[in-house]
Amino acid sequence: MSDRRVAKRYAEGFLAFAKDTIGSKSGLEELISLGSILDENPDLLKFLNNPEIGYPQKADFIEKAFRGFFSEETREFIKLVVEKRRSEEAADIAQEARELYYAEMGIERAVIRSARPLSPELLNSIKNRLEEKSGKKLEVETAVDPSLIGGIQAIVGHVVIDGSIKRKISELREHLMEIKVD
């Protein structure tokens, strides 16, 4: 089980280090890539966590496998995480780093869900309107959810803006259930 406080401490340390070396944004992108790689490759995570394999072999592997893909600073951080036996928390560290970076830069995460893929123009228009309403710069992720039937659902931080047909049908159903028939 992961401890978010530990992940946050590692994320804070890495971002502070990255800010002075490769830049916070580059460091964050590399850390997110690392989290994705470990999530998608459970055998790699098993290797990094294997107590029968010594740290020197793991460090050598990290150097060879990630050279050209990650900066030296990120490779050193990966080695530190492996040495401290925190490999399983890499995805949590990346998530904490993203949240810290966004908070520092005044960026809010937003998810826009729609029944069908949105055109880049429409997505940009929706993003601009949401930024105007929220007063924040948004980092937008999109998701296709056919159950919405039509319209969109936007989640900005902890606020849900639901303009989906599914929600309208649900409201209509509730309204019809309240009507008394004599």
N, C-alpha and C. Protein backbone atom coordinates (compact mmCIF):
# COMPACT_ATOMS: atom_id res chain seq x y z
N MET A 1 0.85 -1.18 0.00
CA MET A 1 0.00 0.00 0.00
C MET A 1 0.89 1.24 0.00
N SER A 2 0.55 2.18 -0.81
CA SER A 2 1.35 3.38 -0.98
C SER A 2 1.01 4.43 0.09
N ASP A 3 2.00 5.17 0.48
CA ASP A 3 1.81 6.27 1.42
C ASP A 3 1.96 7.57 0.65
N ARG A 4 0.85 8.31 0.50
CA ARG A 4 0.85 9.54 -0.31
C ARG A 4 1.79 10.60 0.27
N ARG A 5 1.98 10.60 1.58
CA ARG A 5 2.89 11.59 2.17
C ARG A 5 4.32 11.35 1.72
N VAL A 6 4.71 10.10 1.65
CA VAL A 6 6.05 9.77 1.18
C VAL A 6 6.18 10.14 -0.29
N ALA A 7 5.17 9.81 -1.08
CA ALA A 7 5.19 10.15 -2.51
C ALA A 7 5.29 11.66 -2.70
N LYS A 8 4.59 12.41 -1.86
CA LYS A 8 4.63 13.87 -1.96
C LYS A 8 6.03 14.40 -1.62
N ARG A 9 6.66 13.84 -0.61
CA ARG A 9 8.02 14.28 -0.24
C ARG A 9 9.00 14.01 -1.38
N TYR A 10 8.91 12.84 -1.98
CA TYR A 10 9.78 12.53 -3.12
C TYR A 10 9.49 13.48 -4.28
N ALA A 11 8.22 13.74 -4.54
CA ALA A 11 7.84 14.64 -5.63
C ALA A 11 8.37 16.05 -5.39
N GLU A 12 8.22 16.53 -4.16
CA GLU A 12 8.73 17.87 -3.82
C GLU A 12 10.24 17.94 -4.01
N GLY A 13 10.93 16.92 -3.55
CA GLY A 13 12.38 16.89 -3.68
C GLY A 13 12.82 16.86 -5.13
N PHE A 14 12.15 16.02 -5.92
CA PHE A 14 12.53 15.93 -7.33
C PHE A 14 12.24 17.23 -8.07
N LEU A 15 11.07 17.83 -7.83
CA LEU A 15 10.74 19.07 -8.53
C LEU A 15 11.69 20.20 -8.16
N ALA A 16 12.09 20.26 -6.89
CA ALA A 16 13.05 21.29 -6.47
C ALA A 16 14.39 21.07 -7.17
N PHE A 17 14.81 19.82 -7.25
CA PHE A 17 16.06 19.48 -7.93
C PHE A 17 15.95 19.77 -9.43
N ALA A 18 14.83 19.36 -10.04
CA ALA A 18 14.63 19.56 -11.47
C ALA A 18 14.56 21.05 -11.82
N LYS A 19 13.94 21.84 -10.96
CA LYS A 19 13.80 23.28 -11.21
C LYS A 19 15.16 23.93 -11.43
N ASP A 20 16.15 23.49 -10.66
CA ASP A 20 17.50 24.06 -10.76
C ASP A 20 18.36 23.40 -11.82
N THR A 21 17.90 22.31 -12.43
CA THR A 21 18.73 21.60 -13.39
C THR A 21 18.06 21.52 -14.77
N ILE A 22 17.10 20.63 -14.93
CA ILE A 22 16.48 20.42 -16.24
C ILE A 22 15.19 21.21 -16.43
N GLY A 23 14.71 21.85 -15.38
CA GLY A 23 13.46 22.60 -15.46
C GLY A 23 12.31 21.78 -14.92
N SER A 24 11.42 22.45 -14.22
CA SER A 24 10.29 21.76 -13.57
C SER A 24 9.41 21.03 -14.58
N LYS A 25 9.11 21.70 -15.70
CA LYS A 25 8.21 21.10 -16.68
C LYS A 25 8.82 19.85 -17.30
N SER A 26 10.10 19.92 -17.69
CA SER A 26 10.77 18.75 -18.27
C SER A 26 10.85 17.63 -17.24
N GLY A 27 11.18 17.98 -16.01
CA GLY A 27 11.24 16.97 -14.95
C GLY A 27 9.91 16.30 -14.73
N LEU A 28 8.85 17.10 -14.71
CA LEU A 28 7.50 16.56 -14.53
C LEU A 28 7.15 15.61 -15.67
N GLU A 29 7.41 16.03 -16.91
CA GLU A 29 7.08 15.18 -18.06
C GLU A 29 7.83 13.85 -17.98
N GLU A 30 9.10 13.89 -17.59
CA GLU A 30 9.87 12.65 -17.48
C GLU A 30 9.35 11.77 -16.35
N LEU A 31 8.98 12.39 -15.25
CA LEU A 31 8.45 11.63 -14.12
C LEU A 31 7.12 10.97 -14.47
N ILE A 32 6.27 11.68 -15.20
CA ILE A 32 5.00 11.11 -15.64
C ILE A 32 5.25 9.95 -16.60
N SER A 33 6.22 10.10 -17.49
CA SER A 33 6.58 9.01 -18.40
C SER A 33 7.06 7.79 -17.62
N LEU A 34 7.87 8.02 -16.60
CA LEU A 34 8.35 6.92 -15.77
C LEU A 34 7.18 6.19 -15.12
N GLY A 35 6.25 6.95 -14.54
CA GLY A 35 5.08 6.34 -13.91
C GLY A 35 4.30 5.49 -14.90
N SER A 36 4.13 5.99 -16.12
CA SER A 36 3.41 5.24 -17.16
C SER A 36 4.15 3.97 -17.55
N ILE A 37 5.48 4.10 -17.72
CA ILE A 37 6.29 2.93 -18.09
C ILE A 37 6.17 1.83 -17.03
N LEU A 38 6.25 2.21 -15.78
CA LEU A 38 6.16 1.21 -14.71
C LEU A 38 4.76 0.62 -14.60
N ASP A 39 3.73 1.45 -14.84
CA ASP A 39 2.36 0.93 -14.82
C ASP A 39 2.13 -0.07 -15.95
N GLU A 40 2.71 0.21 -17.11
CA GLU A 40 2.49 -0.63 -18.29
C GLU A 40 3.40 -1.85 -18.34
N ASN A 41 4.42 -1.88 -17.50
CA ASN A 41 5.39 -2.98 -17.51
C ASN A 41 5.58 -3.57 -16.12
N PRO A 42 4.64 -4.39 -15.69
CA PRO A 42 4.74 -4.95 -14.34
C PRO A 42 6.00 -5.80 -14.13
N ASP A 43 6.52 -6.39 -15.21
CA ASP A 43 7.75 -7.19 -15.06
C ASP A 43 8.93 -6.30 -14.73
N LEU A 44 8.96 -5.10 -15.28
CA LEU A 44 10.03 -4.15 -14.95
C LEU A 44 9.95 -3.77 -13.47
N LEU A 45 8.76 -3.54 -13.01
CA LEU A 45 8.57 -3.21 -11.59
C LEU A 45 9.00 -4.38 -10.70
N LYS A 46 8.67 -5.59 -11.11
CA LYS A 46 9.10 -6.78 -10.35
C LYS A 46 10.62 -6.85 -10.29
N PHE A 47 11.26 -6.57 -11.42
CA PHE A 47 12.72 -6.59 -11.47
C PHE A 47 13.30 -5.56 -10.51
N LEU A 48 12.77 -4.34 -10.55
CA LEU A 48 13.30 -3.27 -9.70
C LEU A 48 13.05 -3.53 -8.22
N ASN A 49 12.01 -4.30 -7.91
CA ASN A 49 11.68 -4.61 -6.51
C ASN A 49 12.28 -5.92 -6.02
N ASN A 50 12.88 -6.69 -6.92
CA ASN A 50 13.39 -8.01 -6.57
C ASN A 50 14.55 -7.90 -5.58
N PRO A 51 14.39 -8.42 -4.36
CA PRO A 51 15.46 -8.32 -3.36
C PRO A 51 16.67 -9.21 -3.67
N GLU A 52 16.50 -10.18 -4.57
CA GLU A 52 17.61 -11.07 -4.92
C GLU A 52 18.58 -10.43 -5.91
N ILE A 53 18.15 -9.33 -6.52
CA ILE A 53 19.01 -8.62 -7.47
C ILE A 53 19.58 -7.41 -6.74
N GLY A 54 20.89 -7.28 -6.75
CA GLY A 54 21.55 -6.21 -6.02
C GLY A 54 21.33 -4.84 -6.65
N TYR A 55 21.49 -3.82 -5.82
CA TYR A 55 21.32 -2.45 -6.30
C TYR A 55 22.29 -2.11 -7.45
N PRO A 56 23.55 -2.53 -7.41
CA PRO A 56 24.45 -2.18 -8.51
C PRO A 56 23.94 -2.68 -9.88
N GLN A 57 23.38 -3.89 -9.92
CA GLN A 57 22.84 -4.40 -11.18
C GLN A 57 21.62 -3.58 -11.62
N LYS A 58 20.78 -3.21 -10.67
CA LYS A 58 19.60 -2.41 -10.99
C LYS A 58 20.03 -1.03 -11.50
N ALA A 59 21.01 -0.42 -10.84
CA ALA A 59 21.49 0.91 -11.26
C ALA A 59 22.09 0.84 -12.65
N ASP A 60 22.84 -0.21 -12.92
CA ASP A 60 23.43 -0.39 -14.25
C ASP A 60 22.34 -0.55 -15.30
N PHE A 61 21.32 -1.34 -14.97
CA PHE A 61 20.19 -1.53 -15.88
C PHE A 61 19.50 -0.20 -16.17
N ILE A 62 19.25 0.60 -15.11
CA ILE A 62 18.57 1.89 -15.28
C ILE A 62 19.38 2.78 -16.21
N GLU A 63 20.69 2.81 -16.03
CA GLU A 63 21.55 3.63 -16.90
C GLU A 63 21.43 3.19 -18.35
N LYS A 64 21.52 1.89 -18.59
CA LYS A 64 21.51 1.38 -19.97
C LYS A 64 20.13 1.48 -20.60
N ALA A 65 19.09 1.13 -19.84
CA ALA A 65 17.74 1.09 -20.41
C ALA A 65 17.16 2.48 -20.65
N PHE A 66 17.49 3.43 -19.77
CA PHE A 66 16.84 4.74 -19.86
C PHE A 66 17.72 5.85 -20.42
N ARG A 67 19.00 5.55 -20.74
CA ARG A 67 19.86 6.56 -21.35
C ARG A 67 19.28 6.91 -22.72
N GLY A 68 19.20 8.17 -23.01
CA GLY A 68 18.62 8.62 -24.27
C GLY A 68 17.12 8.83 -24.17
N PHE A 69 16.53 8.28 -23.12
CA PHE A 69 15.08 8.46 -22.93
C PHE A 69 14.81 9.45 -21.81
N PHE A 70 15.58 9.33 -20.73
CA PHE A 70 15.45 10.24 -19.60
C PHE A 70 16.76 10.99 -19.41
N SER A 71 16.66 12.18 -18.86
CA SER A 71 17.85 12.98 -18.54
C SER A 71 18.65 12.28 -17.45
N GLU A 72 19.90 12.70 -17.31
CA GLU A 72 20.75 12.14 -16.25
C GLU A 72 20.13 12.40 -14.88
N GLU A 73 19.53 13.57 -14.71
CA GLU A 73 18.92 13.92 -13.43
C GLU A 73 17.77 12.97 -13.09
N THR A 74 16.96 12.66 -14.08
CA THR A 74 15.84 11.75 -13.83
C THR A 74 16.34 10.33 -13.59
N ARG A 75 17.36 9.92 -14.33
CA ARG A 75 17.93 8.58 -14.10
C ARG A 75 18.48 8.47 -12.68
N GLU A 76 19.12 9.52 -12.20
CA GLU A 76 19.64 9.50 -10.83
C GLU A 76 18.49 9.42 -9.83
N PHE A 77 17.40 10.12 -10.11
CA PHE A 77 16.23 10.05 -9.23
C PHE A 77 15.64 8.64 -9.24
N ILE A 78 15.57 8.02 -10.41
CA ILE A 78 15.05 6.65 -10.49
C ILE A 78 15.92 5.72 -9.65
N LYS A 79 17.22 5.89 -9.73
CA LYS A 79 18.12 5.06 -8.93
C LYS A 79 17.89 5.27 -7.43
N LEU A 80 17.66 6.52 -7.05
CA LEU A 80 17.38 6.82 -5.64
C LEU A 80 16.10 6.12 -5.20
N VAL A 81 15.06 6.21 -6.01
CA VAL A 81 13.78 5.58 -5.69
C VAL A 81 13.96 4.06 -5.56
N VAL A 82 14.73 3.48 -6.46
CA VAL A 82 14.97 2.03 -6.41
C VAL A 82 15.80 1.68 -5.17
N GLU A 83 16.83 2.47 -4.91
CA GLU A 83 17.69 2.20 -3.75
C GLU A 83 16.89 2.26 -2.44
N LYS A 84 15.95 3.19 -2.37
CA LYS A 84 15.14 3.35 -1.15
C LYS A 84 13.92 2.42 -1.14
N ARG A 85 13.85 1.57 -2.15
CA ARG A 85 12.76 0.58 -2.26
C ARG A 85 11.37 1.23 -2.34
N ARG A 86 11.28 2.25 -3.20
CA ARG A 86 10.03 2.96 -3.42
C ARG A 86 9.54 2.86 -4.86
N SER A 87 10.01 1.87 -5.60
CA SER A 87 9.66 1.72 -7.02
C SER A 87 8.15 1.63 -7.23
N GLU A 88 7.48 0.92 -6.34
CA GLU A 88 6.03 0.74 -6.49
C GLU A 88 5.28 2.07 -6.35
N GLU A 89 5.93 3.05 -5.79
CA GLU A 89 5.28 4.34 -5.59
C GLU A 89 5.59 5.35 -6.68
N ALA A 90 6.28 4.92 -7.74
CA ALA A 90 6.67 5.85 -8.80
C ALA A 90 5.46 6.54 -9.43
N ALA A 91 4.39 5.82 -9.67
CA ALA A 91 3.19 6.43 -10.26
C ALA A 91 2.58 7.46 -9.30
N ASP A 92 2.57 7.16 -8.01
CA ASP A 92 2.06 8.11 -7.01
C ASP A 92 2.97 9.34 -6.91
N ILE A 93 4.28 9.11 -7.01
CA ILE A 93 5.22 10.24 -6.98
C ILE A 93 4.96 11.14 -8.19
N ALA A 94 4.76 10.53 -9.35
CA ALA A 94 4.47 11.31 -10.57
C ALA A 94 3.17 12.10 -10.42
N GLN A 95 2.14 11.48 -9.85
CA GLN A 95 0.86 12.16 -9.66
C GLN A 95 1.01 13.32 -8.68
N GLU A 96 1.71 13.10 -7.60
CA GLU A 96 1.95 14.18 -6.63
C GLU A 96 2.74 15.31 -7.27
N ALA A 97 3.74 14.96 -8.08
CA ALA A 97 4.54 15.98 -8.76
C ALA A 97 3.67 16.81 -9.70
N ARG A 98 2.76 16.14 -10.40
CA ARG A 98 1.84 16.86 -11.31
C ARG A 98 0.98 17.85 -10.51
N GLU A 99 0.43 17.39 -9.41
CA GLU A 99 -0.43 18.26 -8.60
C GLU A 99 0.36 19.45 -8.03
N LEU A 100 1.59 19.19 -7.57
CA LEU A 100 2.42 20.28 -7.04
C LEU A 100 2.78 21.28 -8.14
N TYR A 101 3.15 20.77 -9.30
CA TYR A 101 3.52 21.63 -10.42
C TYR A 101 2.32 22.48 -10.85
N TYR A 102 1.17 21.84 -11.00
CA TYR A 102 -0.03 22.57 -11.40
C TYR A 102 -0.38 23.66 -10.39
N ALA A 103 -0.28 23.34 -9.11
CA ALA A 103 -0.58 24.33 -8.07
C ALA A 103 0.39 25.51 -8.17
N GLU A 104 1.66 25.22 -8.36
CA GLU A 104 2.68 26.28 -8.46
C GLU A 104 2.45 27.16 -9.68
N MET A 105 2.01 26.55 -10.78
CA MET A 105 1.82 27.29 -12.04
C MET A 105 0.40 27.85 -12.18
N GLY A 106 -0.46 27.59 -11.20
CA GLY A 106 -1.84 28.08 -11.28
C GLY A 106 -2.67 27.35 -12.33
N ILE A 107 -2.35 26.09 -12.54
CA ILE A 107 -3.06 25.28 -13.55
C ILE A 107 -4.04 24.36 -12.83
N GLU A 108 -5.21 24.24 -13.38
CA GLU A 108 -6.24 23.33 -12.85
C GLU A 108 -6.43 22.20 -13.86
N ARG A 109 -6.61 21.02 -13.38
CA ARG A 109 -6.86 19.87 -14.25
C ARG A 109 -8.34 19.82 -14.60
N ALA A 110 -8.62 19.55 -15.86
CA ALA A 110 -10.01 19.44 -16.31
C ALA A 110 -10.15 18.20 -17.18
N VAL A 111 -11.30 17.55 -17.05
CA VAL A 111 -11.62 16.41 -17.89
C VAL A 111 -12.90 16.75 -18.63
N ILE A 112 -12.85 16.62 -19.95
CA ILE A 112 -14.04 16.86 -20.77
C ILE A 112 -14.43 15.54 -21.38
N ARG A 113 -15.63 15.10 -21.02
CA ARG A 113 -16.16 13.84 -21.53
C ARG A 113 -17.27 14.14 -22.52
N SER A 114 -17.30 13.38 -23.59
CA SER A 114 -18.34 13.54 -24.59
C SER A 114 -18.72 12.17 -25.14
N ALA A 115 -19.90 12.11 -25.77
CA ALA A 115 -20.37 10.84 -26.33
C ALA A 115 -19.55 10.44 -27.54
N ARG A 116 -19.01 11.43 -28.26
CA ARG A 116 -18.19 11.19 -29.45
C ARG A 116 -16.95 12.07 -29.36
N PRO A 117 -15.91 11.72 -30.10
CA PRO A 117 -14.71 12.57 -30.08
C PRO A 117 -15.05 14.00 -30.54
N LEU A 118 -14.44 14.97 -29.89
CA LEU A 118 -14.66 16.38 -30.22
C LEU A 118 -13.59 16.85 -31.19
N SER A 119 -13.98 17.75 -32.09
CA SER A 119 -13.00 18.32 -33.01
C SER A 119 -12.04 19.20 -32.21
N PRO A 120 -10.82 19.37 -32.68
CA PRO A 120 -9.87 20.25 -31.97
C PRO A 120 -10.40 21.67 -31.80
N GLU A 121 -11.12 22.17 -32.79
CA GLU A 121 -11.67 23.52 -32.70
C GLU A 121 -12.71 23.62 -31.58
N LEU A 122 -13.62 22.65 -31.52
CA LEU A 122 -14.66 22.66 -30.49
C LEU A 122 -14.04 22.48 -29.11
N LEU A 123 -13.08 21.57 -29.01
CA LEU A 123 -12.41 21.34 -27.74
C LEU A 123 -11.71 22.61 -27.25
N ASN A 124 -11.04 23.30 -28.16
CA ASN A 124 -10.35 24.55 -27.81
C ASN A 124 -11.36 25.61 -27.36
N SER A 125 -12.49 25.68 -28.05
CA SER A 125 -13.53 26.64 -27.68
C SER A 125 -14.08 26.35 -26.28
N ILE A 126 -14.34 25.08 -25.99
CA ILE A 126 -14.83 24.69 -24.67
C ILE A 126 -13.79 25.01 -23.60
N LYS A 127 -12.53 24.70 -23.89
CA LYS A 127 -11.45 24.97 -22.95
C LYS A 127 -11.37 26.47 -22.65
N ASN A 128 -11.44 27.29 -23.69
CA ASN A 128 -11.37 28.75 -23.49
C ASN A 128 -12.52 29.25 -22.62
N ARG A 129 -13.72 28.74 -22.85
CA ARG A 129 -14.87 29.16 -22.04
C ARG A 129 -14.73 28.73 -20.59
N LEU A 130 -14.24 27.51 -20.41
CA LEU A 130 -14.04 27.02 -19.04
C LEU A 130 -12.95 27.82 -18.32
N GLU A 131 -11.90 28.21 -19.04
CA GLU A 131 -10.85 29.03 -18.44
C GLU A 131 -11.40 30.40 -18.04
N GLU A 132 -12.25 30.98 -18.89
CA GLU A 132 -12.87 32.26 -18.56
C GLU A 132 -13.73 32.14 -17.31
N LYS A 133 -14.54 31.09 -17.24
CA LYS A 133 -15.44 30.90 -16.10
C LYS A 133 -14.69 30.61 -14.80
N SER A 134 -13.63 29.78 -14.90
CA SER A 134 -12.90 29.38 -13.69
C SER A 134 -11.84 30.39 -13.29
N GLY A 135 -11.39 31.19 -14.25
CA GLY A 135 -10.32 32.15 -13.97
C GLY A 135 -8.96 31.49 -13.83
N LYS A 136 -8.85 30.24 -14.29
CA LYS A 136 -7.59 29.49 -14.18
C LYS A 136 -7.19 28.95 -15.54
N LYS A 137 -5.90 28.70 -15.68
CA LYS A 137 -5.40 28.01 -16.86
C LYS A 137 -5.70 26.54 -16.66
N LEU A 138 -6.20 25.88 -17.70
CA LEU A 138 -6.60 24.48 -17.58
C LEU A 138 -5.71 23.55 -18.39
N GLU A 139 -5.42 22.41 -17.81
CA GLU A 139 -4.78 21.30 -18.50
C GLU A 139 -5.90 20.31 -18.75
N VAL A 140 -6.27 20.15 -20.02
CA VAL A 140 -7.47 19.39 -20.36
C VAL A 140 -7.13 17.98 -20.84
N GLU A 141 -7.86 17.03 -20.28
CA GLU A 141 -7.85 15.65 -20.76
C GLU A 141 -9.22 15.39 -21.34
N THR A 142 -9.29 14.55 -22.36
CA THR A 142 -10.58 14.23 -22.95
C THR A 142 -10.87 12.74 -22.78
N ALA A 143 -12.14 12.42 -22.76
CA ALA A 143 -12.56 11.03 -22.68
C ALA A 143 -13.86 10.89 -23.45
N VAL A 144 -14.00 9.77 -24.14
CA VAL A 144 -15.23 9.48 -24.87
C VAL A 144 -16.05 8.52 -24.02
N ASP A 145 -17.30 8.91 -23.76
CA ASP A 145 -18.21 8.09 -22.95
C ASP A 145 -19.56 8.02 -23.65
N PRO A 146 -19.79 6.98 -24.46
CA PRO A 146 -21.04 6.87 -25.22
C PRO A 146 -22.29 6.90 -24.35
N SER A 147 -22.17 6.56 -23.07
CA SER A 147 -23.35 6.56 -22.20
C SER A 147 -23.92 7.96 -21.98
N LEU A 148 -23.14 9.01 -22.32
CA LEU A 148 -23.64 10.38 -22.17
C LEU A 148 -24.71 10.70 -23.21
N ILE A 149 -24.80 9.90 -24.26
CA ILE A 149 -25.74 10.01 -25.36
C ILE A 149 -25.41 11.21 -26.26
N GLY A 150 -25.24 12.36 -25.69
CA GLY A 150 -24.90 13.58 -26.42
C GLY A 150 -24.50 14.65 -25.43
N GLY A 151 -24.04 15.79 -25.92
CA GLY A 151 -23.61 16.87 -25.04
C GLY A 151 -22.24 16.56 -24.45
N ILE A 152 -21.87 17.34 -23.43
CA ILE A 152 -20.58 17.11 -22.78
C ILE A 152 -20.73 17.18 -21.27
N GLN A 153 -19.72 16.65 -20.62
CA GLN A 153 -19.60 16.75 -19.17
C GLN A 153 -18.18 17.24 -18.91
N ALA A 154 -18.05 18.32 -18.17
CA ALA A 154 -16.74 18.87 -17.85
C ALA A 154 -16.52 18.80 -16.35
N ILE A 155 -15.35 18.33 -15.96
CA ILE A 155 -14.98 18.27 -14.56
C ILE A 155 -13.75 19.14 -14.40
N VAL A 156 -13.91 20.24 -13.67
CA VAL A 156 -12.81 21.17 -13.43
C VAL A 156 -12.54 21.16 -11.93
N GLY A 157 -11.40 20.56 -11.57
CA GLY A 157 -11.13 20.41 -10.14
C GLY A 157 -12.18 19.52 -9.52
N HIS A 158 -12.95 20.07 -8.59
CA HIS A 158 -14.00 19.31 -7.93
C HIS A 158 -15.39 19.73 -8.39
N VAL A 159 -15.44 20.54 -9.45
CA VAL A 159 -16.72 21.04 -9.96
C VAL A 159 -17.10 20.25 -11.22
N VAL A 160 -18.34 19.75 -11.24
CA VAL A 160 -18.84 19.01 -12.40
C VAL A 160 -19.88 19.88 -13.10
N ILE A 161 -19.66 20.09 -14.38
CA ILE A 161 -20.61 20.81 -15.23
C ILE A 161 -21.15 19.77 -16.20
N ASP A 162 -22.40 19.40 -16.03
CA ASP A 162 -22.97 18.30 -16.80
C ASP A 162 -24.03 18.81 -17.76
N GLY A 163 -23.67 18.89 -19.02
CA GLY A 163 -24.61 19.29 -20.07
C GLY A 163 -24.93 18.12 -20.97
N SER A 164 -24.90 16.93 -20.42
CA SER A 164 -25.13 15.73 -21.23
C SER A 164 -26.61 15.44 -21.38
N ILE A 165 -26.95 14.75 -22.44
CA ILE A 165 -28.33 14.31 -22.68
C ILE A 165 -28.72 13.31 -21.58
N LYS A 166 -27.78 12.49 -21.16
CA LYS A 166 -28.04 11.51 -20.10
C LYS A 166 -28.55 12.21 -18.85
N ARG A 167 -27.90 13.33 -18.45
CA ARG A 167 -28.32 14.06 -17.26
C ARG A 167 -29.71 14.66 -17.47
N LYS A 168 -29.96 15.21 -18.65
CA LYS A 168 -31.26 15.82 -18.92
C LYS A 168 -32.37 14.78 -18.88
N ILE A 169 -32.12 13.60 -19.39
CA ILE A 169 -33.11 12.52 -19.33
C ILE A 169 -33.34 12.12 -17.87
N SER A 170 -32.27 12.04 -17.10
CA SER A 170 -32.39 11.69 -15.68
C SER A 170 -33.22 12.73 -14.93
N GLU A 171 -32.98 14.02 -15.21
CA GLU A 171 -33.76 15.08 -14.56
C GLU A 171 -35.22 14.99 -14.97
N LEU A 172 -35.48 14.72 -16.24
CA LEU A 172 -36.86 14.58 -16.72
C LEU A 172 -37.54 13.40 -16.02
N ARG A 173 -36.84 12.29 -15.88
CA ARG A 173 -37.38 11.11 -15.21
C ARG A 173 -37.74 11.45 -13.76
N GLU A 174 -36.83 12.14 -13.05
CA GLU A 174 -37.10 12.53 -11.67
C GLU A 174 -38.32 13.46 -11.58
N HIS A 175 -38.39 14.39 -12.52
CA HIS A 175 -39.53 15.32 -12.52
C HIS A 175 -40.83 14.57 -12.75
N LEU A 176 -40.85 13.62 -13.68
CA LEU A 176 -42.05 12.86 -13.96
C LEU A 176 -42.45 11.97 -12.78
N MET A 177 -41.48 11.49 -12.02
CA MET A 177 -41.77 10.66 -10.86
C MET A 177 -42.42 11.48 -9.75
N GLU A 178 -42.15 12.79 -9.72
CA GLU A 178 -42.71 13.66 -8.68
C GLU A 178 -44.15 14.05 -8.97
N ILE A 179 -44.56 13.93 -10.21
CA ILE A 179 -45.92 14.35 -10.59
C ILE A 179 -46.91 13.33 -10.05
N LYS A 180 -47.91 13.85 -9.34
CA LYS A 180 -48.96 12.98 -8.81
C LYS A 180 -50.07 12.83 -9.84
N VAL A 181 -50.49 11.63 -10.01
CA VAL A 181 -51.58 11.35 -10.93
C VAL A 181 -52.77 10.92 -10.08
N ASP A 182 -53.87 11.65 -10.21
CA ASP A 182 -55.06 11.33 -9.41
C ASP A 182 -56.01 10.47 -10.18
